[in-house]
Structure formats: structure tokens, C-alpha cells
N, C-alpha and C. Protein backbone atom coordinates (compact mmCIF):
# COMPACT_ATOMS: atom_id res chain seq x y z
N MET A 1 -7.52 1.28 -11.81
CA MET A 1 -7.78 1.08 -10.40
C MET A 1 -7.58 2.37 -9.61
N ARG A 2 -6.47 3.05 -9.89
CA ARG A 2 -6.16 4.26 -9.13
C ARG A 2 -7.24 5.32 -9.28
N ALA A 3 -7.69 5.55 -10.51
CA ALA A 3 -8.70 6.59 -10.74
C ALA A 3 -9.99 6.30 -9.98
N GLY A 4 -10.41 5.04 -10.00
CA GLY A 4 -11.63 4.66 -9.28
C GLY A 4 -11.48 4.82 -7.78
N LEU A 5 -10.33 4.43 -7.25
CA LEU A 5 -10.10 4.59 -5.81
C LEU A 5 -10.05 6.06 -5.43
N GLU A 6 -9.38 6.88 -6.25
CA GLU A 6 -9.30 8.31 -5.93
C GLU A 6 -10.68 8.97 -6.00
N ARG A 7 -11.52 8.51 -6.90
CA ARG A 7 -12.87 9.07 -7.01
C ARG A 7 -13.73 8.68 -5.80
N ASP A 8 -13.62 7.41 -5.37
CA ASP A 8 -14.53 6.90 -4.35
C ASP A 8 -13.96 6.81 -2.94
N HIS A 9 -12.62 6.84 -2.80
CA HIS A 9 -12.01 6.59 -1.49
C HIS A 9 -10.82 7.50 -1.21
N MET A 10 -10.88 8.76 -1.63
CA MET A 10 -9.76 9.68 -1.43
C MET A 10 -9.35 9.72 0.04
N ASP A 11 -8.04 9.64 0.28
CA ASP A 11 -7.41 9.70 1.61
C ASP A 11 -7.57 8.43 2.43
N ALA A 12 -8.26 7.42 1.91
CA ALA A 12 -8.33 6.12 2.60
C ALA A 12 -7.01 5.39 2.33
N PHE A 13 -6.86 4.21 2.91
CA PHE A 13 -5.66 3.40 2.71
C PHE A 13 -6.05 2.14 1.95
N VAL A 14 -5.19 1.73 1.01
CA VAL A 14 -5.43 0.51 0.25
C VAL A 14 -4.23 -0.42 0.45
N ALA A 15 -4.52 -1.65 0.88
CA ALA A 15 -3.49 -2.68 1.00
C ALA A 15 -3.62 -3.59 -0.21
N ILE A 16 -2.51 -3.78 -0.93
CA ILE A 16 -2.52 -4.61 -2.13
C ILE A 16 -1.62 -5.82 -1.87
N GLU A 17 -2.19 -7.01 -2.00
CA GLU A 17 -1.43 -8.26 -1.86
C GLU A 17 -0.96 -8.63 -3.26
N PRO A 18 0.36 -8.58 -3.52
CA PRO A 18 0.85 -8.69 -4.90
C PRO A 18 0.67 -10.04 -5.57
N GLU A 19 0.69 -11.14 -4.83
CA GLU A 19 0.56 -12.45 -5.47
C GLU A 19 -0.84 -12.68 -6.03
N SER A 20 -1.86 -12.27 -5.28
CA SER A 20 -3.24 -12.48 -5.72
C SER A 20 -3.81 -11.29 -6.48
N GLY A 21 -3.25 -10.10 -6.18
CA GLY A 21 -3.82 -8.88 -6.75
C GLY A 21 -5.00 -8.36 -5.95
N ASP A 22 -5.36 -9.05 -4.86
CA ASP A 22 -6.46 -8.59 -4.01
C ASP A 22 -6.08 -7.28 -3.34
N TYR A 23 -7.07 -6.43 -3.15
CA TYR A 23 -6.81 -5.19 -2.43
C TYR A 23 -7.94 -4.90 -1.46
N PHE A 24 -7.59 -4.16 -0.41
CA PHE A 24 -8.50 -3.90 0.71
C PHE A 24 -8.44 -2.42 1.04
N VAL A 25 -9.58 -1.75 0.99
CA VAL A 25 -9.66 -0.31 1.26
C VAL A 25 -10.27 -0.10 2.63
N GLU A 26 -9.56 0.66 3.47
CA GLU A 26 -10.02 0.94 4.83
C GLU A 26 -9.65 2.38 5.20
N PRO A 27 -10.28 2.92 6.25
CA PRO A 27 -10.00 4.31 6.63
C PRO A 27 -8.63 4.52 7.29
N THR A 28 -8.00 3.45 7.81
CA THR A 28 -6.69 3.60 8.44
C THR A 28 -5.69 2.61 7.85
N PHE A 29 -4.41 2.95 7.97
CA PHE A 29 -3.32 2.09 7.53
C PHE A 29 -3.42 0.73 8.20
N SER A 30 -3.60 0.75 9.53
CA SER A 30 -3.65 -0.49 10.31
C SER A 30 -4.80 -1.40 9.89
N GLN A 31 -5.96 -0.82 9.65
CA GLN A 31 -7.12 -1.62 9.26
C GLN A 31 -6.91 -2.25 7.88
N ALA A 32 -6.34 -1.50 6.94
CA ALA A 32 -6.10 -2.04 5.60
C ALA A 32 -5.08 -3.18 5.67
N ALA A 33 -3.99 -2.98 6.42
CA ALA A 33 -2.97 -4.01 6.56
C ALA A 33 -3.53 -5.26 7.25
N ALA A 34 -4.35 -5.06 8.28
CA ALA A 34 -4.95 -6.19 9.00
C ALA A 34 -5.88 -7.00 8.11
N LYS A 35 -6.66 -6.33 7.28
CA LYS A 35 -7.57 -7.05 6.37
C LYS A 35 -6.77 -7.90 5.39
N ALA A 36 -5.70 -7.34 4.86
CA ALA A 36 -4.86 -8.10 3.92
C ALA A 36 -4.22 -9.28 4.63
N ARG A 37 -3.74 -9.06 5.85
CA ARG A 37 -3.10 -10.12 6.63
C ARG A 37 -4.09 -11.24 6.96
N THR A 38 -5.32 -10.88 7.27
CA THR A 38 -6.35 -11.87 7.58
C THR A 38 -6.71 -12.69 6.34
N ALA A 39 -6.83 -12.02 5.21
CA ALA A 39 -7.20 -12.70 3.97
C ALA A 39 -6.07 -13.57 3.42
N HIS A 40 -4.83 -13.15 3.66
CA HIS A 40 -3.67 -13.85 3.12
C HIS A 40 -2.59 -14.00 4.19
N PRO A 41 -2.82 -14.88 5.17
CA PRO A 41 -1.83 -15.05 6.24
C PRO A 41 -0.47 -15.49 5.66
N GLY A 42 0.58 -14.93 6.22
CA GLY A 42 1.92 -15.31 5.78
C GLY A 42 2.41 -14.57 4.56
N ARG A 43 1.58 -13.74 3.96
CA ARG A 43 2.00 -12.93 2.82
C ARG A 43 2.11 -11.47 3.25
N GLN A 44 2.87 -10.70 2.50
CA GLN A 44 3.03 -9.28 2.78
C GLN A 44 2.18 -8.48 1.80
N ALA A 45 1.70 -7.35 2.24
CA ALA A 45 0.93 -6.46 1.38
C ALA A 45 1.56 -5.07 1.41
N ALA A 46 1.47 -4.39 0.29
CA ALA A 46 1.90 -2.99 0.23
C ALA A 46 0.69 -2.14 0.58
N VAL A 47 0.90 -1.12 1.41
CA VAL A 47 -0.21 -0.24 1.81
C VAL A 47 0.10 1.17 1.32
N PHE A 48 -0.85 1.73 0.58
CA PHE A 48 -0.73 3.08 0.05
C PHE A 48 -1.89 3.93 0.55
N ARG A 49 -1.68 5.23 0.57
CA ARG A 49 -2.78 6.14 0.88
C ARG A 49 -3.35 6.64 -0.44
N VAL A 50 -4.63 6.47 -0.62
CA VAL A 50 -5.28 6.85 -1.88
C VAL A 50 -5.14 8.36 -2.10
N GLY A 51 -4.63 8.70 -3.29
CA GLY A 51 -4.44 10.10 -3.65
C GLY A 51 -3.09 10.66 -3.22
N HIS A 52 -2.22 9.82 -2.66
CA HIS A 52 -0.91 10.25 -2.19
C HIS A 52 0.16 9.31 -2.76
N ASP A 53 1.41 9.77 -2.78
CA ASP A 53 2.50 8.93 -3.27
C ASP A 53 3.01 7.95 -2.23
N ALA A 54 2.62 8.14 -0.97
CA ALA A 54 3.13 7.28 0.10
C ALA A 54 2.05 7.03 1.13
N GLY A 55 2.24 5.96 1.91
CA GLY A 55 1.31 5.64 2.98
C GLY A 55 1.46 6.57 4.16
N HIS A 56 2.71 6.99 4.44
CA HIS A 56 3.00 7.88 5.56
C HIS A 56 4.13 8.82 5.17
N TYR A 57 4.12 10.00 5.70
CA TYR A 57 5.22 10.95 5.55
C TYR A 57 5.80 11.20 6.93
N MET A 58 7.13 11.29 7.01
CA MET A 58 7.76 11.47 8.31
C MET A 58 8.58 12.75 8.33
N GLY A 59 8.34 13.56 9.34
CA GLY A 59 9.17 14.73 9.62
C GLY A 59 9.23 15.75 8.50
N GLY A 60 10.10 16.72 8.68
CA GLY A 60 10.24 17.81 7.71
C GLY A 60 11.19 17.48 6.59
N ALA A 61 11.84 16.31 6.66
CA ALA A 61 12.84 15.97 5.65
C ALA A 61 12.21 15.40 4.39
N GLY A 62 10.91 15.20 4.39
CA GLY A 62 10.24 14.68 3.20
C GLY A 62 10.43 13.18 3.01
N ILE A 63 10.68 12.45 4.07
CA ILE A 63 10.85 11.00 3.98
C ILE A 63 9.47 10.37 3.87
N ALA A 64 9.29 9.51 2.89
CA ALA A 64 7.99 8.87 2.69
C ALA A 64 8.13 7.36 2.82
N LEU A 65 7.21 6.74 3.55
CA LEU A 65 7.16 5.29 3.63
C LEU A 65 6.13 4.82 2.61
N THR A 66 6.58 4.08 1.63
CA THR A 66 5.71 3.75 0.51
C THR A 66 5.11 2.36 0.60
N GLY A 67 4.51 2.05 1.71
CA GLY A 67 3.71 0.84 1.74
C GLY A 67 4.27 -0.34 2.49
N TRP A 68 5.52 -0.33 2.91
CA TRP A 68 6.07 -1.48 3.62
C TRP A 68 6.27 -1.11 5.07
N SER A 69 5.87 -2.01 5.94
CA SER A 69 5.87 -1.69 7.37
C SER A 69 7.23 -1.82 8.02
N THR A 70 8.14 -2.61 7.47
CA THR A 70 9.47 -2.76 8.06
C THR A 70 10.52 -2.81 6.96
N ILE A 71 11.77 -2.56 7.33
CA ILE A 71 12.86 -2.64 6.37
C ILE A 71 12.99 -4.07 5.83
N ALA A 72 12.81 -5.08 6.69
CA ALA A 72 12.89 -6.47 6.24
C ALA A 72 11.84 -6.76 5.17
N ASP A 73 10.63 -6.25 5.37
CA ASP A 73 9.59 -6.43 4.36
C ASP A 73 10.02 -5.82 3.04
N ALA A 74 10.60 -4.64 3.11
CA ALA A 74 11.02 -3.94 1.90
C ALA A 74 12.09 -4.73 1.16
N ARG A 75 13.04 -5.31 1.89
CA ARG A 75 14.08 -6.11 1.25
C ARG A 75 13.50 -7.37 0.62
N CYS A 76 12.63 -8.05 1.34
CA CYS A 76 12.06 -9.31 0.85
C CYS A 76 11.16 -9.11 -0.35
N TYR A 77 10.51 -7.97 -0.41
CA TYR A 77 9.51 -7.75 -1.45
C TYR A 77 9.83 -6.55 -2.33
N ARG A 78 11.13 -6.28 -2.49
CA ARG A 78 11.53 -5.12 -3.29
C ARG A 78 10.97 -5.19 -4.71
N SER A 79 11.06 -6.34 -5.35
CA SER A 79 10.56 -6.48 -6.72
C SER A 79 9.06 -6.25 -6.79
N ALA A 80 8.31 -6.90 -5.88
CA ALA A 80 6.85 -6.73 -5.88
C ALA A 80 6.49 -5.28 -5.60
N SER A 81 7.22 -4.66 -4.67
CA SER A 81 6.94 -3.27 -4.34
C SER A 81 7.18 -2.36 -5.54
N ALA A 82 8.29 -2.57 -6.23
CA ALA A 82 8.59 -1.74 -7.40
C ALA A 82 7.52 -1.88 -8.47
N ILE A 83 7.05 -3.11 -8.68
CA ILE A 83 6.00 -3.35 -9.68
C ILE A 83 4.71 -2.66 -9.25
N LEU A 84 4.32 -2.82 -7.98
CA LEU A 84 3.09 -2.20 -7.50
C LEU A 84 3.15 -0.68 -7.58
N ILE A 85 4.29 -0.11 -7.18
CA ILE A 85 4.43 1.35 -7.23
C ILE A 85 4.35 1.83 -8.67
N GLN A 86 5.01 1.12 -9.58
CA GLN A 86 4.96 1.49 -10.99
C GLN A 86 3.53 1.43 -11.52
N GLN A 87 2.82 0.34 -11.19
CA GLN A 87 1.44 0.21 -11.65
C GLN A 87 0.55 1.29 -11.02
N TRP A 88 0.75 1.56 -9.73
CA TRP A 88 -0.04 2.57 -9.02
C TRP A 88 0.12 3.93 -9.66
N LYS A 89 1.37 4.32 -9.94
CA LYS A 89 1.64 5.65 -10.50
C LYS A 89 1.19 5.76 -11.95
N SER A 90 1.16 4.64 -12.67
CA SER A 90 0.79 4.72 -14.09
C SER A 90 -0.71 4.55 -14.31
N SER A 91 -1.45 4.13 -13.29
CA SER A 91 -2.90 3.91 -13.51
C SER A 91 -3.70 5.17 -13.27
């Protein structure tokens, strides 16, 4: 999946809904997250930037947000996030 996305959608954002495996590619973080939310109301999706290790980078300290929009989301979906990140990096 990663290789195909990097070939066809470099620098776009992909939202992955872990329960279904559905993913949504859009030019912005917000659009990708909104598409996933519309398709799967009440579920959380991880959002990544294609070709990057994180969806967003913050400041000069090298802090990266890897797909979860809030700390609560990260706590609730830590296992799903770890699995998605592992699959993303290995594909």
C-alpha cells in the first residue's frame, strides 16, 4: 500500500480507519480526516502524510504528530495506532 501511495500521491494525506481497513487520500489533513469520519461516524482514523513518518511536524524540537488528532484519541487507540504505524513503515 505504501509504495503505491508514494508513487501516486506523494505529500498527500491518507486517513486509515483501522477496523475496516478503509483509507482515504486527500490533499489536506482535514479533508482526509473528514472523509474517514463521514464514511465511519463514531470511529477514529489515523492520518499520515504520504512519504513522511508523521502527519505533522511541530517546531524545531522535532516533535511529530503521527496521525492522531488529540491525546485522548491516542490513548483510546494506542494499539490500533501501533499496528498501523508498524504496517505503514514495513510496507
